[in-house]
Amino acid sequence: MDLAHLLECRMVTPKVIDAEFVLIRYEKLNPESSFHKNITQKEEKYGKSSIFSLIHKNEESAFLYYYLQALQNVHIEKRLRILNLGINSGDEFEIIEKICKNFETLELIGIDYCESAITEAKEKFKNNKNIKFYQHDINALNSLELGEFDLIISIGTLQSSNLEFNKLLMSIVQNQLKKDGAMILGFPNCRWIDGEMLYGARVKNYPFSEMGLLYKDVIFSKKYLQQKKFRVTITGKDYIFLTATSIRKD
């Protein structure tokens, strides 16, 4: 699989040649089939009809394993108020619903800038009275007056080009996160091409994976949260997960 991704291919079913040889086969990916390149409306880059909507990261073991690990590390069942920034159609809430026996007692709020994604999320969870969704600009998060949360989750959102990462993170910690709360931040160290998740973040003007900006944001988050008396762990591969839990004694 690693070789397939390095060659920007997907692995197809191997073919047995004889008792000693197996033919390993790859299929070349279409580089144009990527939400990184195909943008019709900026607001709908991650919308219901976008290429992004065809991605199911909950089915990717490299994502799911470390996300579940992060939820376990923050003791998800004890986090009664949960905020997700960049919820899209609600994938992260689906996992929480599956693993939490006390799911109905939790209050979950999801926010996303994309209207069609929020509409889809509302339809998906229409029978869950403990979940609310808002179509809103995270830059103006304080205007919603949502109060403080036991857990804040944001995966692949705070690094968006229209957001000032450092300033926004500090504001969220100071205004929306309880002092004894927890935080899960997911930093994509991958790119999606033709439905496949390929390892390695890539920035403009580089023909190869360059992770300087990724680690810059991860390290800033770690240092800032440690200053605020949080224990921080960093895990993952295709998605880097930063998990922070309060160690305050007061």
C-alpha atoms as a PDB file:
ATOM      1  CA  MET A   1       0.000   0.000   0.000  1.00  0.00           C
ATOM      2  CA  ASP A   2       2.799   2.428   0.828  1.00  0.00           C
ATOM      3  CA  LEU A   3       4.396   1.846  -2.576  1.00  0.00           C
ATOM      4  CA  ALA A   4       1.048   2.364  -4.293  1.00  0.00           C
ATOM      5  CA  HIS A   5       0.595   5.718  -2.590  1.00  0.00           C
ATOM      6  CA  LEU A   6       4.150   6.821  -3.369  1.00  0.00           C
ATOM      7  CA  LEU A   7       3.402   6.127  -7.034  1.00  0.00           C
ATOM      8  CA  GLU A   8      -0.008   7.853  -6.720  1.00  0.00           C
ATOM      9  CA  CYS A   9      -1.820   4.613  -7.510  1.00  0.00           C
ATOM     10  CA  ARG A  10      -4.423   2.434  -5.861  1.00  0.00           C
ATOM     11  CA  MET A  11      -3.716  -1.215  -5.234  1.00  0.00           C
ATOM     12  CA  VAL A  12      -6.055  -3.644  -6.987  1.00  0.00           C
ATOM     13  CA  THR A  13      -6.527  -7.373  -6.353  1.00  0.00           C
ATOM     14  CA  PRO A  14      -3.235  -9.271  -6.825  1.00  0.00           C
ATOM     15  CA  LYS A  15      -3.193 -12.052  -9.422  1.00  0.00           C
ATOM     16  CA  VAL A  16      -1.701 -15.482  -8.738  1.00  0.00           C
ATOM     17  CA  ILE A  17       0.773 -16.453 -11.473  1.00  0.00           C
ATOM     18  CA  ASP A  18       1.870 -19.840 -10.139  1.00  0.00           C
ATOM     19  CA  ALA A  19       2.924 -21.514  -6.892  1.00  0.00           C
ATOM     20  CA  GLU A  20       5.869 -19.137  -6.478  1.00  0.00           C
ATOM     21  CA  PHE A  21       4.779 -15.792  -7.940  1.00  0.00           C
ATOM     22  CA  VAL A  22       1.999 -13.296  -7.385  1.00  0.00           C
ATOM     23  CA  LEU A  23       1.460 -10.317  -9.677  1.00  0.00           C
ATOM     24  CA  ILE A  24       1.010  -7.127  -7.650  1.00  0.00           C
ATOM     25  CA  ARG A  25      -1.177  -4.729  -9.620  1.00  0.00           C
ATOM     26  CA  TYR A  26      -1.725  -0.986  -9.358  1.00  0.00           C
ATOM     27  CA  GLU A  27      -4.129   1.431 -10.990  1.00  0.00           C
ATOM     28  CA  LYS A  28      -3.026   5.008 -11.653  1.00  0.00           C
ATOM     29  CA  LEU A  29      -5.076   7.652  -9.851  1.00  0.00           C
ATOM     30  CA  ASN A  30      -6.634  10.575 -11.678  1.00  0.00           C
ATOM     31  CA  PRO A  31      -4.832  13.650 -10.269  1.00  0.00           C
ATOM     32  CA  GLU A  32      -7.642  15.937 -11.449  1.00  0.00           C
ATOM     33  CA  SER A  33     -10.207  14.110  -9.314  1.00  0.00           C
ATOM     34  CA  SER A  34      -9.406  15.978  -6.122  1.00  0.00           C
ATOM     35  CA  PHE A  35     -11.239  18.578  -4.046  1.00  0.00           C
ATOM     36  CA  HIS A  36      -7.857  20.282  -3.635  1.00  0.00           C
ATOM     37  CA  LYS A  37      -8.070  21.302  -7.312  1.00  0.00           C
ATOM     38  CA  ASN A  38     -11.750  21.265  -8.269  1.00  0.00           C
ATOM     39  CA  ILE A  39     -13.474  24.269  -6.731  1.00  0.00           C
ATOM     40  CA  THR A  40     -16.694  25.626  -8.186  1.00  0.00           C
ATOM     41  CA  GLN A  41     -17.948  27.854  -5.383  1.00  0.00           C
ATOM     42  CA  LYS A  42     -15.581  28.591  -2.522  1.00  0.00           C
ATOM     43  CA  GLU A  43     -18.428  28.249  -0.020  1.00  0.00           C
ATOM     44  CA  GLU A  44     -19.282  24.787  -1.396  1.00  0.00           C
ATOM     45  CA  LYS A  45     -15.766  23.348  -1.694  1.00  0.00           C
ATOM     46  CA  TYR A  46     -16.755  20.867   1.024  1.00  0.00           C
ATOM     47  CA  GLY A  47     -20.484  20.811   0.189  1.00  0.00           C
ATOM     48  CA  LYS A  48     -22.974  18.038  -0.439  1.00  0.00           C
ATOM     49  CA  SER A  49     -22.314  17.912  -4.202  1.00  0.00           C
ATOM     50  CA  SER A  50     -18.534  18.359  -4.001  1.00  0.00           C
ATOM     51  CA  ILE A  51     -15.789  15.796  -4.583  1.00  0.00           C
ATOM     52  CA  PHE A  52     -15.034  16.107  -0.860  1.00  0.00           C
ATOM     53  CA  SER A  53     -18.473  14.676  -0.030  1.00  0.00           C
ATOM     54  CA  LEU A  54     -17.435  11.386  -1.675  1.00  0.00           C
ATOM     55  CA  ILE A  55     -14.687  10.925   0.918  1.00  0.00           C
ATOM     56  CA  HIS A  56     -15.499   8.666   3.872  1.00  0.00           C
ATOM     57  CA  LYS A  57     -12.637   9.127   6.298  1.00  0.00           C
ATOM     58  CA  ASN A  58     -14.417   7.075   8.973  1.00  0.00           C
ATOM     59  CA  GLU A  59     -13.714   4.061   6.741  1.00  0.00           C
ATOM     60  CA  GLU A  60      -9.970   4.776   6.685  1.00  0.00           C
ATOM     61  CA  SER A  61      -8.208   2.807   9.415  1.00  0.00           C
ATOM     62  CA  ALA A  62      -5.357   5.343   9.551  1.00  0.00           C
ATOM     63  CA  PHE A  63      -7.892   8.004  10.562  1.00  0.00           C
ATOM     64  CA  LEU A  64     -10.352   5.954  12.604  1.00  0.00           C
ATOM     65  CA  TYR A  65      -7.797   4.239  14.853  1.00  0.00           C
ATOM     66  CA  TYR A  66      -6.205   7.457  16.095  1.00  0.00           C
ATOM     67  CA  TYR A  67      -9.505   9.341  16.355  1.00  0.00           C
ATOM     68  CA  LEU A  68     -10.914   6.581  18.560  1.00  0.00           C
ATOM     69  CA  GLN A  69      -7.713   6.650  20.590  1.00  0.00           C
ATOM     70  CA  ALA A  70      -8.069  10.420  21.087  1.00  0.00           C
ATOM     71  CA  LEU A  71     -11.703  10.045  22.199  1.00  0.00           C
ATOM     72  CA  GLN A  72     -10.668   7.399  24.715  1.00  0.00           C
ATOM     73  CA  ASN A  73      -7.831   9.589  26.001  1.00  0.00           C
ATOM     74  CA  VAL A  74     -10.220  12.447  26.824  1.00  0.00           C
ATOM     75  CA  HIS A  75     -12.759  10.050  28.433  1.00  0.00           C
ATOM     76  CA  ILE A  76     -15.447  11.022  25.957  1.00  0.00           C
ATOM     77  CA  GLU A  77     -18.317   9.628  28.050  1.00  0.00           C
ATOM     78  CA  LYS A  78     -17.568  12.235  30.762  1.00  0.00           C
ATOM     79  CA  ARG A  79     -17.575  15.222  28.361  1.00  0.00           C
ATOM     80  CA  LEU A  80     -21.196  16.318  28.578  1.00  0.00           C
ATOM     81  CA  ARG A  81     -20.947  19.415  26.324  1.00  0.00           C
ATOM     82  CA  ILE A  82     -19.091  18.860  23.050  1.00  0.00           C
ATOM     83  CA  LEU A  83     -18.351  21.400  20.314  1.00  0.00           C
ATOM     84  CA  ASN A  84     -17.095  20.429  16.863  1.00  0.00           C
ATOM     85  CA  LEU A  85     -15.679  23.172  14.636  1.00  0.00           C
ATOM     86  CA  GLY A  86     -15.798  22.207  10.967  1.00  0.00           C
ATOM     87  CA  ILE A  87     -18.284  19.386  11.459  1.00  0.00           C
ATOM     88  CA  ASN A  88     -19.252  19.158   7.753  1.00  0.00           C
ATOM     89  CA  SER A  89     -21.914  16.415   7.476  1.00  0.00           C
ATOM     90  CA  GLY A  90     -21.301  15.013  10.967  1.00  0.00           C
ATOM     91  CA  ASP A  91     -18.792  12.172  10.520  1.00  0.00           C
ATOM     92  CA  GLU A  92     -17.101  12.734  13.894  1.00  0.00           C
ATOM     93  CA  PHE A  93     -20.443  12.696  15.730  1.00  0.00           C
ATOM     94  CA  GLU A  94     -21.314   9.343  14.128  1.00  0.00           C
ATOM     95  CA  ILE A  95     -18.298   7.746  15.817  1.00  0.00           C
ATOM     96  CA  ILE A  96     -19.142   9.295  19.187  1.00  0.00           C
ATOM     97  CA  GLU A  97     -22.696   7.980  18.892  1.00  0.00           C
ATOM     98  CA  LYS A  98     -21.405   4.448  18.254  1.00  0.00           C
ATOM     99  CA  ILE A  99     -18.984   4.288  21.189  1.00  0.00           C
ATOM    100  CA  CYS A 100     -20.831   6.245  23.908  1.00  0.00           C
ATOM    101  CA  LYS A 101     -23.424   4.289  25.867  1.00  0.00           C
ATOM    102  CA  ASN A 102     -24.605   7.563  27.413  1.00  0.00           C
ATOM    103  CA  PHE A 103     -24.793   9.375  24.059  1.00  0.00           C
ATOM    104  CA  GLU A 104     -28.332  10.673  24.654  1.00  0.00           C
ATOM    105  CA  THR A 105     -27.163  12.507  27.793  1.00  0.00           C
ATOM    106  CA  LEU A 106     -24.497  14.442  25.891  1.00  0.00           C
ATOM    107  CA  GLU A 107     -25.058  17.844  24.296  1.00  0.00           C
ATOM    108  CA  LEU A 108     -23.319  18.146  20.929  1.00  0.00           C
ATOM    109  CA  ILE A 109     -23.008  21.252  18.786  1.00  0.00           C
ATOM    110  CA  GLY A 110     -21.514  21.270  15.296  1.00  0.00           C
ATOM    111  CA  ILE A 111     -20.521  24.349  13.314  1.00  0.00           C
ATOM    112  CA  ASP A 112     -19.552  24.629   9.662  1.00  0.00           C
ATOM    113  CA  TYR A 113     -19.395  27.421   7.082  1.00  0.00           C
ATOM    114  CA  CYS A 114     -20.830  25.246   4.304  1.00  0.00           C
ATOM    115  CA  GLU A 115     -24.621  25.484   4.163  1.00  0.00           C
ATOM    116  CA  SER A 116     -25.283  22.276   2.209  1.00  0.00           C
ATOM    117  CA  ALA A 117     -23.030  20.250   4.546  1.00  0.00           C
ATOM    118  CA  ILE A 118     -24.905  21.540   7.596  1.00  0.00           C
ATOM    119  CA  THR A 119     -28.225  20.759   5.911  1.00  0.00           C
ATOM    120  CA  GLU A 120     -27.048  17.183   5.359  1.00  0.00           C
ATOM    121  CA  ALA A 121     -25.860  16.886   8.964  1.00  0.00           C
ATOM    122  CA  LYS A 122     -29.234  18.100  10.264  1.00  0.00           C
ATOM    123  CA  GLU A 123     -31.009  15.496   8.151  1.00  0.00           C
ATOM    124  CA  LYS A 124     -28.649  12.743   9.301  1.00  0.00           C
ATOM    125  CA  PHE A 125     -29.257  13.502  12.985  1.00  0.00           C
ATOM    126  CA  LYS A 126     -32.850  14.743  12.746  1.00  0.00           C
ATOM    127  CA  ASN A 127     -33.997  12.286  15.415  1.00  0.00           C
ATOM    128  CA  ASN A 128     -31.323  13.326  17.929  1.00  0.00           C
ATOM    129  CA  LYS A 129     -32.675  16.135  20.098  1.00  0.00           C
ATOM    130  CA  ASN A 130     -29.330  16.482  21.876  1.00  0.00           C
ATOM    131  CA  ILE A 131     -27.519  17.658  18.714  1.00  0.00           C
ATOM    132  CA  LYS A 132     -27.596  21.123  17.159  1.00  0.00           C
ATOM    133  CA  PHE A 133     -25.914  22.416  14.014  1.00  0.00           C
ATOM    134  CA  TYR A 134     -25.082  25.971  12.989  1.00  0.00           C
ATOM    135  CA  GLN A 135     -24.041  27.324   9.607  1.00  0.00           C
ATOM    136  CA  HIS A 136     -21.619  30.010  10.755  1.00  0.00           C
ATOM    137  CA  ASP A 137     -18.207  31.584  10.201  1.00  0.00           C
ATOM    138  CA  ILE A 138     -15.768  30.333  12.838  1.00  0.00           C
ATOM    139  CA  ASN A 139     -14.041  33.723  12.703  1.00  0.00           C
ATOM    140  CA  ALA A 140     -17.171  35.095  14.407  1.00  0.00           C
ATOM    141  CA  LEU A 141     -17.617  32.189  16.816  1.00  0.00           C
ATOM    142  CA  ASN A 142     -18.027  34.403  19.884  1.00  0.00           C
ATOM    143  CA  SER A 143     -21.147  36.010  18.405  1.00  0.00           C
ATOM    144  CA  LEU A 144     -23.073  32.738  18.844  1.00  0.00           C
ATOM    145  CA  GLU A 145     -22.666  32.968  22.635  1.00  0.00           C
ATOM    146  CA  LEU A 146     -22.598  29.193  23.042  1.00  0.00           C
ATOM    147  CA  GLY A 147     -20.941  29.151  26.451  1.00  0.00           C
ATOM    148  CA  GLU A 148     -18.135  26.818  27.505  1.00  0.00           C
ATOM    149  CA  PHE A 149     -17.590  23.184  26.577  1.00  0.00           C
ATOM    150  CA  ASP A 150     -16.098  20.081  28.181  1.00  0.00           C
ATOM    151  CA  LEU A 151     -14.599  18.996  24.851  1.00  0.00           C
ATOM    152  CA  ILE A 152     -13.793  20.857  21.652  1.00  0.00           C
ATOM    153  CA  ILE A 153     -12.981  18.917  18.472  1.00  0.00           C
ATOM    154  CA  SER A 154     -11.669  20.364  15.230  1.00  0.00           C
ATOM    155  CA  ILE A 155     -10.246  18.189  12.472  1.00  0.00           C
ATOM    156  CA  GLY A 156      -8.714  19.741   9.379  1.00  0.00           C
ATOM    157  CA  THR A 157     -10.463  23.094   9.818  1.00  0.00           C
ATOM    158  CA  LEU A 158      -8.424  25.570  11.857  1.00  0.00           C
ATOM    159  CA  GLN A 159      -5.622  25.430   9.271  1.00  0.00           C
ATOM    160  CA  SER A 160      -7.897  26.874   6.553  1.00  0.00           C
ATOM    161  CA  SER A 161      -6.394  29.767   4.592  1.00  0.00           C
ATOM    162  CA  ASN A 162      -9.139  32.186   5.671  1.00  0.00           C
ATOM    163  CA  LEU A 163      -8.433  31.602   9.369  1.00  0.00           C
ATOM    164  CA  GLU A 164      -5.597  33.012  11.473  1.00  0.00           C
ATOM    165  CA  PHE A 165      -4.605  29.826  13.264  1.00  0.00           C
ATOM    166  CA  ASN A 166      -2.710  31.094  16.321  1.00  0.00           C
ATOM    167  CA  LYS A 167      -5.140  33.884  17.137  1.00  0.00           C
ATOM    168  CA  LEU A 168      -8.201  31.682  16.644  1.00  0.00           C
ATOM    169  CA  LEU A 169      -6.864  28.810  18.749  1.00  0.00           C
ATOM    170  CA  MET A 170      -6.095  31.134  21.655  1.00  0.00           C
ATOM    171  CA  SER A 171      -9.563  32.691  21.437  1.00  0.00           C
ATOM    172  CA  ILE A 172     -11.256  29.275  21.463  1.00  0.00           C
ATOM    173  CA  VAL A 173      -9.280  28.100  24.497  1.00  0.00           C
ATOM    174  CA  GLN A 174      -9.992  31.333  26.371  1.00  0.00           C
ATOM    175  CA  ASN A 175     -13.684  31.708  25.470  1.00  0.00           C
ATOM    176  CA  GLN A 176     -15.189  28.314  24.623  1.00  0.00           C
ATOM    177  CA  LEU A 177     -13.131  25.697  26.500  1.00  0.00           C
ATOM    178  CA  LYS A 178     -13.746  24.990  30.171  1.00  0.00           C
ATOM    179  CA  LYS A 179     -10.671  25.216  32.392  1.00  0.00           C
ATOM    180  CA  ASP A 180     -11.010  21.513  33.181  1.00  0.00           C
ATOM    181  CA  GLY A 181     -11.995  20.652  29.600  1.00  0.00           C
ATOM    182  CA  ALA A 182     -10.266  18.775  26.794  1.00  0.00           C
ATOM    183  CA  MET A 183      -9.434  19.388  23.155  1.00  0.00           C
ATOM    184  CA  ILE A 184      -8.842  17.201  20.109  1.00  0.00           C
ATOM    185  CA  LEU A 185      -7.204  18.832  17.095  1.00  0.00           C
ATOM    186  CA  GLY A 186      -6.680  16.908  13.859  1.00  0.00           C
ATOM    187  CA  PHE A 187      -4.063  18.104  11.372  1.00  0.00           C
ATOM    188  CA  PRO A 188      -4.264  16.479   7.917  1.00  0.00           C
ATOM    189  CA  ASN A 189      -0.917  14.999   6.917  1.00  0.00           C
ATOM    190  CA  CYS A 190      -2.409  13.644   3.724  1.00  0.00           C
ATOM    191  CA  ARG A 191      -4.191  14.600   0.540  1.00  0.00           C
ATOM    192  CA  TRP A 192      -7.163  13.031  -1.195  1.00  0.00           C
ATOM    193  CA  ILE A 193      -6.847  12.055  -4.864  1.00  0.00           C
ATOM    194  CA  ASP A 194      -9.435  10.042  -6.797  1.00  0.00           C
ATOM    195  CA  GLY A 195     -10.991   8.785  -3.568  1.00  0.00           C
ATOM    196  CA  GLU A 196      -7.684   7.627  -2.057  1.00  0.00           C
ATOM    197  CA  MET A 197      -6.013   9.062   1.038  1.00  0.00           C
ATOM    198  CA  LEU A 198      -2.321   9.594   0.214  1.00  0.00           C
ATOM    199  CA  TYR A 199       0.206  10.152   2.975  1.00  0.00           C
ATOM    200  CA  GLY A 200       2.009  13.482   3.208  1.00  0.00           C
ATOM    201  CA  ALA A 201       0.788  17.071   3.362  1.00  0.00           C
ATOM    202  CA  ARG A 202       1.589  19.145   0.301  1.00  0.00           C
ATOM    203  CA  VAL A 203       1.676  22.922  -0.030  1.00  0.00           C
ATOM    204  CA  LYS A 204       1.668  25.158  -3.079  1.00  0.00           C
ATOM    205  CA  ASN A 205       4.859  25.421  -5.145  1.00  0.00           C
ATOM    206  CA  TYR A 206       6.187  22.074  -3.867  1.00  0.00           C
ATOM    207  CA  PRO A 207       5.980  18.937  -6.047  1.00  0.00           C
ATOM    208  CA  PHE A 208       6.572  16.758  -2.975  1.00  0.00           C
ATOM    209  CA  SER A 209       5.320  16.419   0.583  1.00  0.00           C
ATOM    210  CA  GLU A 210       6.526  19.293   2.796  1.00  0.00           C
ATOM    211  CA  MET A 211       5.335  19.304   6.385  1.00  0.00           C
ATOM    212  CA  GLY A 212       6.905  22.466   7.793  1.00  0.00           C
ATOM    213  CA  LEU A 213       3.617  24.373   8.110  1.00  0.00           C
ATOM    214  CA  LEU A 214       1.900  21.350   9.623  1.00  0.00           C
ATOM    215  CA  TYR A 215       4.473  20.932  12.379  1.00  0.00           C
ATOM    216  CA  LYS A 216       4.576  24.682  12.983  1.00  0.00           C
ATOM    217  CA  ASP A 217       0.877  24.665  13.905  1.00  0.00           C
ATOM    218  CA  VAL A 218       1.164  21.439  15.913  1.00  0.00           C
ATOM    219  CA  ILE A 219       4.077  22.726  18.004  1.00  0.00           C
ATOM    220  CA  PHE A 220       2.409  26.094  18.624  1.00  0.00           C
ATOM    221  CA  SER A 221      -0.742  24.305  19.802  1.00  0.00           C
ATOM    222  CA  LYS A 222       1.232  22.018  22.088  1.00  0.00           C
ATOM    223  CA  LYS A 223       3.224  24.817  23.729  1.00  0.00           C
ATOM    224  CA  TYR A 224       0.219  27.098  24.173  1.00  0.00           C
ATOM    225  CA  LEU A 225      -1.979  24.394  25.699  1.00  0.00           C
ATOM    226  CA  GLN A 226       0.819  23.293  28.015  1.00  0.00           C
ATOM    227  CA  GLN A 227       1.105  26.892  29.227  1.00  0.00           C
ATOM    228  CA  LYS A 228      -2.610  26.742  30.006  1.00  0.00           C
ATOM    229  CA  LYS A 229      -2.018  23.642  32.151  1.00  0.00           C
ATOM    230  CA  PHE A 230      -3.058  20.927  29.727  1.00  0.00           C
ATOM    231  CA  ARG A 231      -1.343  17.583  29.258  1.00  0.00           C
ATOM    232  CA  VAL A 232      -0.716  17.221  25.521  1.00  0.00           C
ATOM    233  CA  THR A 233      -0.104  14.104  23.440  1.00  0.00           C
ATOM    234  CA  ILE A 234       0.571  13.926  19.698  1.00  0.00           C
ATOM    235  CA  THR A 235      -0.271  10.779  17.744  1.00  0.00           C
ATOM    236  CA  GLY A 236      -1.231   9.657  14.257  1.00  0.00           C
ATOM    237  CA  LYS A 237       0.222   9.419  10.774  1.00  0.00           C
ATOM    238  CA  ASP A 238      -2.034  10.478   7.887  1.00  0.00           C
ATOM    239  CA  TYR A 239      -3.836  12.689  10.388  1.00  0.00           C
ATOM    240  CA  ILE A 240      -1.820  14.094  13.278  1.00  0.00           C
ATOM    241  CA  PHE A 241      -3.983  14.140  16.403  1.00  0.00           C
ATOM    242  CA  LEU A 242      -3.185  16.531  19.224  1.00  0.00           C
ATOM    243  CA  THR A 243      -5.076  15.624  22.378  1.00  0.00           C
ATOM    244  CA  ALA A 244      -5.101  17.971  25.371  1.00  0.00           C
ATOM    245  CA  THR A 245      -6.562  17.263  28.823  1.00  0.00           C
ATOM    246  CA  SER A 246      -6.552  19.626  31.781  1.00  0.00           C
ATOM    247  CA  ILE A 247      -4.172  18.961  34.680  1.00  0.00           C
ATOM    248  CA  ARG A 248      -5.403  21.856  36.815  1.00  0.00           C
ATOM    249  CA  LYS A 249      -5.617  21.179  40.536  1.00  0.00           C
ATOM    250  CA  ASP A 250      -7.921  24.111  41.354  1.00  0.00           C
END
